[in-house]
Amino acid sequence: MGHARKQRNLDRSAIVAAVQAKQKREERRRNFWIYGTSSVVILALIVTVVSVFVVNQETKSQISAAADKPIDGVQSFDGLSRNHTSSEVAYPQNPPVGGDHAPQLVNCGIYTDPVNTGEALHSLEHGAVWVTYRADLPQKEIDALAQEAASHPYELLSPYPDLPSPVVATAWGKQLKLDSANDPRLPVFLQAYLQGPQTPEPGAPCSGGSQG
């Protein structure tokens, strides 16, 4: 009887050992898939981040290179007066690119309503670029313009009545008419003329003025 009991105990121990071994093998397989899958996901994320960074750097380099060359469609205007006046001024361009303007500037930033034209010109005098758009521009394009403007402290974005094209980018003495907010010339214009060589008062602030 003692021998039989001992044999049963041995059999039970063998069964327990086999079950535990099977559980360990299954756990190792699960860990392999968990850690293996996690590693693949992390590697994919790293590759994606690096790829986006490389593409962004290449895009910035391309924009900088294009900004050093003449930009197709840009109009230039010379001999612009710069007197401060509180009187209404008739400007030959739409929107104006310079001339006599308000004593105070409008703070650079994003506006959903038209801003004071004379104050916007004062901002251009300080090196701002004023991007204007028609009120009926698709919201998706307005959002794209706002996203771009948010990254430039010297950019002014606002709607403007009776524009000659859906979007117009204006710096002091420089203007570019665009059919779309997605025109690749817009970031090139910004690169060339935000605090660009056309600025009458480079380094002057685009803050401390009115809110439109």
C-alpha atoms as a PDB file:
ATOM      1  CA  MET A   1       0.000   0.000   0.000  1.00  0.00           C
ATOM      2  CA  GLY A   2       2.835   2.358   0.910  1.00  0.00           C
ATOM      3  CA  HIS A   3       4.472   1.697  -2.428  1.00  0.00           C
ATOM      4  CA  ALA A   4       1.231   2.424  -4.317  1.00  0.00           C
ATOM      5  CA  ARG A   5       0.727   5.705  -2.451  1.00  0.00           C
ATOM      6  CA  LYS A   6       4.275   6.740  -3.237  1.00  0.00           C
ATOM      7  CA  GLN A   7       3.723   5.932  -6.911  1.00  0.00           C
ATOM      8  CA  ARG A   8       0.546   8.033  -7.003  1.00  0.00           C
ATOM      9  CA  ASN A   9       2.418  10.948  -5.454  1.00  0.00           C
ATOM     10  CA  LEU A  10       5.110  10.612  -8.073  1.00  0.00           C
ATOM     11  CA  ASP A  11       2.515  10.534 -10.840  1.00  0.00           C
ATOM     12  CA  ARG A  12       0.794  13.585  -9.400  1.00  0.00           C
ATOM     13  CA  SER A  13       4.105  15.459  -9.182  1.00  0.00           C
ATOM     14  CA  ALA A  14       4.875  14.561 -12.779  1.00  0.00           C
ATOM     15  CA  ILE A  15       1.478  15.854 -13.908  1.00  0.00           C
ATOM     16  CA  VAL A  16       1.947  19.105 -11.949  1.00  0.00           C
ATOM     17  CA  ALA A  17       5.443  19.533 -13.400  1.00  0.00           C
ATOM     18  CA  ALA A  18       4.131  18.948 -16.929  1.00  0.00           C
ATOM     19  CA  VAL A  19       1.329  21.477 -16.436  1.00  0.00           C
ATOM     20  CA  GLN A  20       3.749  24.046 -15.030  1.00  0.00           C
ATOM     21  CA  ALA A  21       6.157  23.488 -17.902  1.00  0.00           C
ATOM     22  CA  LYS A  22       3.327  23.970 -20.398  1.00  0.00           C
ATOM     23  CA  GLN A  23       2.269  27.182 -18.642  1.00  0.00           C
ATOM     24  CA  LYS A  24       5.815  28.492 -18.754  1.00  0.00           C
ATOM     25  CA  ARG A  25       6.074  27.725 -22.486  1.00  0.00           C
ATOM     26  CA  GLU A  26       2.780  29.552 -23.130  1.00  0.00           C
ATOM     27  CA  GLU A  27       3.915  32.501 -21.013  1.00  0.00           C
ATOM     28  CA  ARG A  28       7.175  32.710 -22.951  1.00  0.00           C
ATOM     29  CA  ARG A  29       5.210  32.720 -26.218  1.00  0.00           C
ATOM     30  CA  ARG A  30       2.895  35.448 -24.928  1.00  0.00           C
ATOM     31  CA  ASN A  31       5.838  37.552 -23.762  1.00  0.00           C
ATOM     32  CA  PHE A  32       7.534  37.058 -27.118  1.00  0.00           C
ATOM     33  CA  TRP A  33       4.511  38.348 -28.975  1.00  0.00           C
ATOM     34  CA  ILE A  34       3.894  41.177 -26.517  1.00  0.00           C
ATOM     35  CA  TYR A  35       7.467  42.416 -26.426  1.00  0.00           C
ATOM     36  CA  GLY A  36       8.072  41.613 -30.055  1.00  0.00           C
ATOM     37  CA  THR A  37       4.971  43.500 -31.173  1.00  0.00           C
ATOM     38  CA  SER A  38       5.808  46.420 -28.873  1.00  0.00           C
ATOM     39  CA  SER A  39       9.303  46.602 -30.328  1.00  0.00           C
ATOM     40  CA  VAL A  40       7.922  46.645 -33.856  1.00  0.00           C
ATOM     41  CA  VAL A  41       5.442  49.423 -32.954  1.00  0.00           C
ATOM     42  CA  ILE A  42       8.143  51.491 -31.244  1.00  0.00           C
ATOM     43  CA  LEU A  43      10.491  51.013 -34.192  1.00  0.00           C
ATOM     44  CA  ALA A  44       7.727  52.041 -36.593  1.00  0.00           C
ATOM     45  CA  LEU A  45       7.045  55.184 -34.532  1.00  0.00           C
ATOM     46  CA  ILE A  46      10.749  56.070 -34.499  1.00  0.00           C
ATOM     47  CA  VAL A  47      10.976  55.610 -38.263  1.00  0.00           C
ATOM     48  CA  THR A  48       7.855  57.752 -38.754  1.00  0.00           C
ATOM     49  CA  VAL A  49       9.144  60.568 -36.514  1.00  0.00           C
ATOM     50  CA  VAL A  50      12.540  60.548 -38.196  1.00  0.00           C
ATOM     51  CA  SER A  51      10.919  60.513 -41.647  1.00  0.00           C
ATOM     52  CA  VAL A  52       8.660  63.454 -40.787  1.00  0.00           C
ATOM     53  CA  PHE A  53      11.622  65.372 -39.377  1.00  0.00           C
ATOM     54  CA  VAL A  54      13.698  64.726 -42.495  1.00  0.00           C
ATOM     55  CA  VAL A  55      10.827  65.729 -44.786  1.00  0.00           C
ATOM     56  CA  ASN A  56      10.221  68.910 -42.764  1.00  0.00           C
ATOM     57  CA  GLN A  57      13.892  69.815 -42.906  1.00  0.00           C
ATOM     58  CA  GLU A  58      13.965  69.210 -46.649  1.00  0.00           C
ATOM     59  CA  THR A  59      10.829  71.329 -47.093  1.00  0.00           C
ATOM     60  CA  LYS A  60      12.336  74.173 -45.055  1.00  0.00           C
ATOM     61  CA  SER A  61      15.523  73.998 -47.103  1.00  0.00           C
ATOM     62  CA  GLN A  62      13.537  74.108 -50.342  1.00  0.00           C
ATOM     63  CA  ILE A  63      11.490  77.086 -49.129  1.00  0.00           C
ATOM     64  CA  SER A  64      14.630  78.958 -48.042  1.00  0.00           C
ATOM     65  CA  ALA A  65      16.274  78.291 -51.398  1.00  0.00           C
ATOM     66  CA  ALA A  66      13.188  79.467 -53.294  1.00  0.00           C
ATOM     67  CA  ALA A  67      12.960  82.609 -51.139  1.00  0.00           C
ATOM     68  CA  ASP A  68      16.436  83.648 -52.309  1.00  0.00           C
ATOM     69  CA  LYS A  69      15.164  83.810 -55.895  1.00  0.00           C
ATOM     70  CA  PRO A  70      12.499  85.986 -57.552  1.00  0.00           C
ATOM     71  CA  ILE A  71       9.032  84.695 -56.665  1.00  0.00           C
ATOM     72  CA  ASP A  72       6.701  84.303 -59.590  1.00  0.00           C
ATOM     73  CA  GLY A  73       3.772  86.726 -59.415  1.00  0.00           C
ATOM     74  CA  VAL A  74       5.155  89.106 -56.790  1.00  0.00           C
ATOM     75  CA  GLN A  75       4.501  92.770 -57.587  1.00  0.00           C
ATOM     76  CA  SER A  76       6.842  95.448 -56.260  1.00  0.00           C
ATOM     77  CA  PHE A  77       5.950  99.060 -55.457  1.00  0.00           C
ATOM     78  CA  ASP A  78       8.559 101.734 -54.790  1.00  0.00           C
ATOM     79  CA  GLY A  79       8.526 105.302 -53.529  1.00  0.00           C
ATOM     80  CA  LEU A  80       5.905 104.709 -50.833  1.00  0.00           C
ATOM     81  CA  SER A  81       5.388 107.533 -48.342  1.00  0.00           C
ATOM     82  CA  ARG A  82       5.534 106.751 -44.631  1.00  0.00           C
ATOM     83  CA  ASN A  83       3.848 109.661 -42.866  1.00  0.00           C
ATOM     84  CA  HIS A  84       1.636 109.074 -39.864  1.00  0.00           C
ATOM     85  CA  THR A  85      -1.867 110.421 -40.244  1.00  0.00           C
ATOM     86  CA  SER A  86      -5.243 110.042 -38.590  1.00  0.00           C
ATOM     87  CA  SER A  87      -7.008 111.066 -41.790  1.00  0.00           C
ATOM     88  CA  GLU A  88      -8.517 108.623 -44.246  1.00  0.00           C
ATOM     89  CA  VAL A  89      -6.149 107.761 -47.096  1.00  0.00           C
ATOM     90  CA  ALA A  90      -7.047 106.586 -50.608  1.00  0.00           C
ATOM     91  CA  TYR A  91      -4.677 103.795 -51.586  1.00  0.00           C
ATOM     92  CA  PRO A  92      -4.101 102.683 -55.194  1.00  0.00           C
ATOM     93  CA  GLN A  93      -3.563  99.016 -54.305  1.00  0.00           C
ATOM     94  CA  ASN A  94      -6.092  96.576 -52.907  1.00  0.00           C
ATOM     95  CA  PRO A  95      -5.150  95.840 -50.213  1.00  0.00           C
ATOM     96  CA  PRO A  96      -2.602  98.643 -49.895  1.00  0.00           C
ATOM     97  CA  VAL A  97       1.105  97.831 -49.742  1.00  0.00           C
ATOM     98  CA  GLY A  98       2.329 100.995 -48.024  1.00  0.00           C
ATOM     99  CA  GLY A  99       1.915 104.742 -47.855  1.00  0.00           C
ATOM    100  CA  ASP A 100       0.774 107.157 -45.178  1.00  0.00           C
ATOM    101  CA  HIS A 101      -0.770 105.248 -42.312  1.00  0.00           C
ATOM    102  CA  ALA A 102      -2.084 105.314 -38.754  1.00  0.00           C
ATOM    103  CA  PRO A 103       0.183 106.397 -35.866  1.00  0.00           C
ATOM    104  CA  GLN A 104      -0.324 103.051 -34.117  1.00  0.00           C
ATOM    105  CA  LEU A 105      -0.027  99.535 -35.460  1.00  0.00           C
ATOM    106  CA  VAL A 106      -2.348  96.575 -35.168  1.00  0.00           C
ATOM    107  CA  ASN A 107      -0.828  93.726 -33.205  1.00  0.00           C
ATOM    108  CA  CYS A 108       0.293  90.854 -35.372  1.00  0.00           C
ATOM    109  CA  GLY A 109      -1.859  87.772 -34.956  1.00  0.00           C
ATOM    110  CA  ILE A 110      -4.959  86.057 -36.244  1.00  0.00           C
ATOM    111  CA  TYR A 111      -8.194  88.015 -36.715  1.00  0.00           C
ATOM    112  CA  THR A 112     -11.597  86.775 -37.846  1.00  0.00           C
ATOM    113  CA  ASP A 113     -12.848  90.269 -38.713  1.00  0.00           C
ATOM    114  CA  PRO A 114     -11.248  92.924 -40.939  1.00  0.00           C
ATOM    115  CA  VAL A 115      -8.626  95.059 -39.206  1.00  0.00           C
ATOM    116  CA  ASN A 116      -7.944  98.781 -39.540  1.00  0.00           C
ATOM    117  CA  THR A 117      -6.068  99.240 -42.826  1.00  0.00           C
ATOM    118  CA  GLY A 118      -3.938 102.165 -41.700  1.00  0.00           C
ATOM    119  CA  GLU A 119      -2.869 100.282 -38.580  1.00  0.00           C
ATOM    120  CA  ALA A 120      -2.057  97.185 -40.631  1.00  0.00           C
ATOM    121  CA  LEU A 121       0.232  99.295 -42.833  1.00  0.00           C
ATOM    122  CA  HIS A 122       2.062 100.440 -39.713  1.00  0.00           C
ATOM    123  CA  SER A 123       2.636  96.759 -38.932  1.00  0.00           C
ATOM    124  CA  LEU A 124       4.018  96.232 -42.446  1.00  0.00           C
ATOM    125  CA  GLU A 125       6.399  99.121 -41.818  1.00  0.00           C
ATOM    126  CA  HIS A 126       7.780  97.057 -38.921  1.00  0.00           C
ATOM    127  CA  GLY A 127       8.368  94.017 -41.121  1.00  0.00           C
ATOM    128  CA  ALA A 128       5.064  92.174 -40.860  1.00  0.00           C
ATOM    129  CA  VAL A 129       3.423  90.245 -43.669  1.00  0.00           C
ATOM    130  CA  TRP A 130      -0.326  90.755 -43.937  1.00  0.00           C
ATOM    131  CA  VAL A 131      -2.195  87.755 -45.327  1.00  0.00           C
ATOM    132  CA  THR A 132      -5.761  88.615 -46.269  1.00  0.00           C
ATOM    133  CA  TYR A 133      -8.537  86.382 -47.559  1.00  0.00           C
ATOM    134  CA  ARG A 134     -12.059  86.601 -48.886  1.00  0.00           C
ATOM    135  CA  ALA A 135     -14.839  85.971 -46.400  1.00  0.00           C
ATOM    136  CA  ASP A 136     -16.153  83.104 -48.550  1.00  0.00           C
ATOM    137  CA  LEU A 137     -12.845  81.222 -48.554  1.00  0.00           C
ATOM    138  CA  PRO A 138     -13.484  77.578 -47.515  1.00  0.00           C
ATOM    139  CA  GLN A 139     -13.036  77.083 -43.781  1.00  0.00           C
ATOM    140  CA  LYS A 140     -10.442  74.381 -44.406  1.00  0.00           C
ATOM    141  CA  GLU A 141      -8.254  76.924 -46.187  1.00  0.00           C
ATOM    142  CA  ILE A 142      -8.813  79.548 -43.491  1.00  0.00           C
ATOM    143  CA  ASP A 143      -7.698  76.992 -40.910  1.00  0.00           C
ATOM    144  CA  ALA A 144      -4.562  76.288 -42.947  1.00  0.00           C
ATOM    145  CA  LEU A 145      -3.776  80.019 -43.091  1.00  0.00           C
ATOM    146  CA  ALA A 146      -4.324  80.318 -39.336  1.00  0.00           C
ATOM    147  CA  GLN A 147      -2.023  77.387 -38.637  1.00  0.00           C
ATOM    148  CA  GLU A 148       0.692  79.021 -40.728  1.00  0.00           C
ATOM    149  CA  ALA A 149       0.172  82.413 -39.092  1.00  0.00           C
ATOM    150  CA  ALA A 150       0.387  80.935 -35.601  1.00  0.00           C
ATOM    151  CA  SER A 151       4.018  80.008 -36.236  1.00  0.00           C
ATOM    152  CA  HIS A 152       5.103  83.499 -37.299  1.00  0.00           C
ATOM    153  CA  PRO A 153       5.134  86.307 -34.700  1.00  0.00           C
ATOM    154  CA  TYR A 154       5.337  88.929 -37.465  1.00  0.00           C
ATOM    155  CA  GLU A 155       2.376  87.665 -39.485  1.00  0.00           C
ATOM    156  CA  LEU A 156      -1.016  89.343 -39.589  1.00  0.00           C
ATOM    157  CA  LEU A 157      -4.016  87.341 -40.829  1.00  0.00           C
ATOM    158  CA  SER A 158      -7.473  88.762 -41.456  1.00  0.00           C
ATOM    159  CA  PRO A 159     -10.363  88.758 -43.911  1.00  0.00           C
ATOM    160  CA  TYR A 160     -10.540  91.730 -46.269  1.00  0.00           C
ATOM    161  CA  PRO A 161     -13.486  92.974 -48.349  1.00  0.00           C
ATOM    162  CA  ASP A 162     -13.462  92.981 -52.155  1.00  0.00           C
ATOM    163  CA  LEU A 163     -10.125  91.235 -52.606  1.00  0.00           C
ATOM    164  CA  PRO A 164      -8.974  90.771 -56.218  1.00  0.00           C
ATOM    165  CA  SER A 165      -8.169  87.093 -55.489  1.00  0.00           C
ATOM    166  CA  PRO A 166      -9.140  84.579 -52.796  1.00  0.00           C
ATOM    167  CA  VAL A 167      -5.903  85.168 -50.847  1.00  0.00           C
ATOM    168  CA  VAL A 168      -3.434  88.068 -50.982  1.00  0.00           C
ATOM    169  CA  ALA A 169      -0.086  88.226 -49.187  1.00  0.00           C
ATOM    170  CA  THR A 170       1.269  91.736 -48.635  1.00  0.00           C
ATOM    171  CA  ALA A 171       4.532  93.091 -47.256  1.00  0.00           C
ATOM    172  CA  TRP A 172       5.732  96.698 -47.402  1.00  0.00           C
ATOM    173  CA  GLY A 173       5.981  97.380 -51.147  1.00  0.00           C
ATOM    174  CA  LYS A 174       5.419  93.711 -52.068  1.00  0.00           C
ATOM    175  CA  GLN A 175       2.263  91.800 -52.957  1.00  0.00           C
ATOM    176  CA  LEU A 176       1.302  88.338 -54.179  1.00  0.00           C
ATOM    177  CA  LYS A 177      -2.211  87.377 -55.292  1.00  0.00           C
ATOM    178  CA  LEU A 178      -3.132  83.715 -54.806  1.00  0.00           C
ATOM    179  CA  ASP A 179      -6.044  81.535 -55.858  1.00  0.00           C
ATOM    180  CA  SER A 180      -5.680  79.219 -52.883  1.00  0.00           C
ATOM    181  CA  ALA A 181      -4.302  79.100 -49.368  1.00  0.00           C
ATOM    182  CA  ASN A 182      -2.420  75.991 -50.452  1.00  0.00           C
ATOM    183  CA  ASP A 183      -0.385  77.770 -53.126  1.00  0.00           C
ATOM    184  CA  PRO A 184       3.255  76.734 -52.533  1.00  0.00           C
ATOM    185  CA  ARG A 185       4.387  80.318 -53.143  1.00  0.00           C
ATOM    186  CA  LEU A 186       2.800  81.526 -49.898  1.00  0.00           C
ATOM    187  CA  PRO A 187       5.373  80.001 -47.491  1.00  0.00           C
ATOM    188  CA  VAL A 188       8.119  81.204 -49.834  1.00  0.00           C
ATOM    189  CA  PHE A 189       6.711  84.750 -49.701  1.00  0.00           C
ATOM    190  CA  LEU A 190       6.602  84.573 -45.911  1.00  0.00           C
ATOM    191  CA  GLN A 191      10.179  83.332 -45.773  1.00  0.00           C
ATOM    192  CA  ALA A 192      11.339  86.126 -48.056  1.00  0.00           C
ATOM    193  CA  TYR A 193       9.487  89.076 -46.556  1.00  0.00           C
ATOM    194  CA  LEU A 194       8.810  88.476 -42.854  1.00  0.00           C
ATOM    195  CA  GLN A 195      11.270  91.019 -41.455  1.00  0.00           C
ATOM    196  CA  GLY A 196      12.709  91.008 -44.969  1.00  0.00           C
ATOM    197  CA  PRO A 197      14.993  93.503 -46.707  1.00  0.00           C
ATOM    198  CA  GLN A 198      11.995  95.608 -47.780  1.00  0.00           C
ATOM    199  CA  THR A 199      11.222  96.485 -44.120  1.00  0.00           C
ATOM    200  CA  PRO A 200      11.526 100.243 -43.462  1.00  0.00           C
ATOM    201  CA  GLU A 201      11.943  99.727 -39.703  1.00  0.00           C
ATOM    202  CA  PRO A 202      13.472  96.271 -39.162  1.00  0.00           C
ATOM    203  CA  GLY A 203      13.378  94.987 -35.611  1.00  0.00           C
ATOM    204  CA  ALA A 204      10.539  97.269 -34.540  1.00  0.00           C
ATOM    205  CA  PRO A 205       7.849  95.351 -32.613  1.00  0.00           C
ATOM    206  CA  CYS A 206       4.581  94.080 -33.993  1.00  0.00           C
ATOM    207  CA  SER A 207       2.890  94.289 -30.611  1.00  0.00           C
ATOM    208  CA  GLY A 208       1.811  96.961 -28.159  1.00  0.00           C
ATOM    209  CA  GLY A 209      -0.751  98.377 -30.595  1.00  0.00           C
ATOM    210  CA  SER A 210      -4.448  97.869 -31.167  1.00  0.00           C
ATOM    211  CA  GLN A 211      -6.350  94.616 -31.431  1.00  0.00           C
ATOM    212  CA  GLY A 212      -7.725  95.403 -34.852  1.00  0.00           C
END
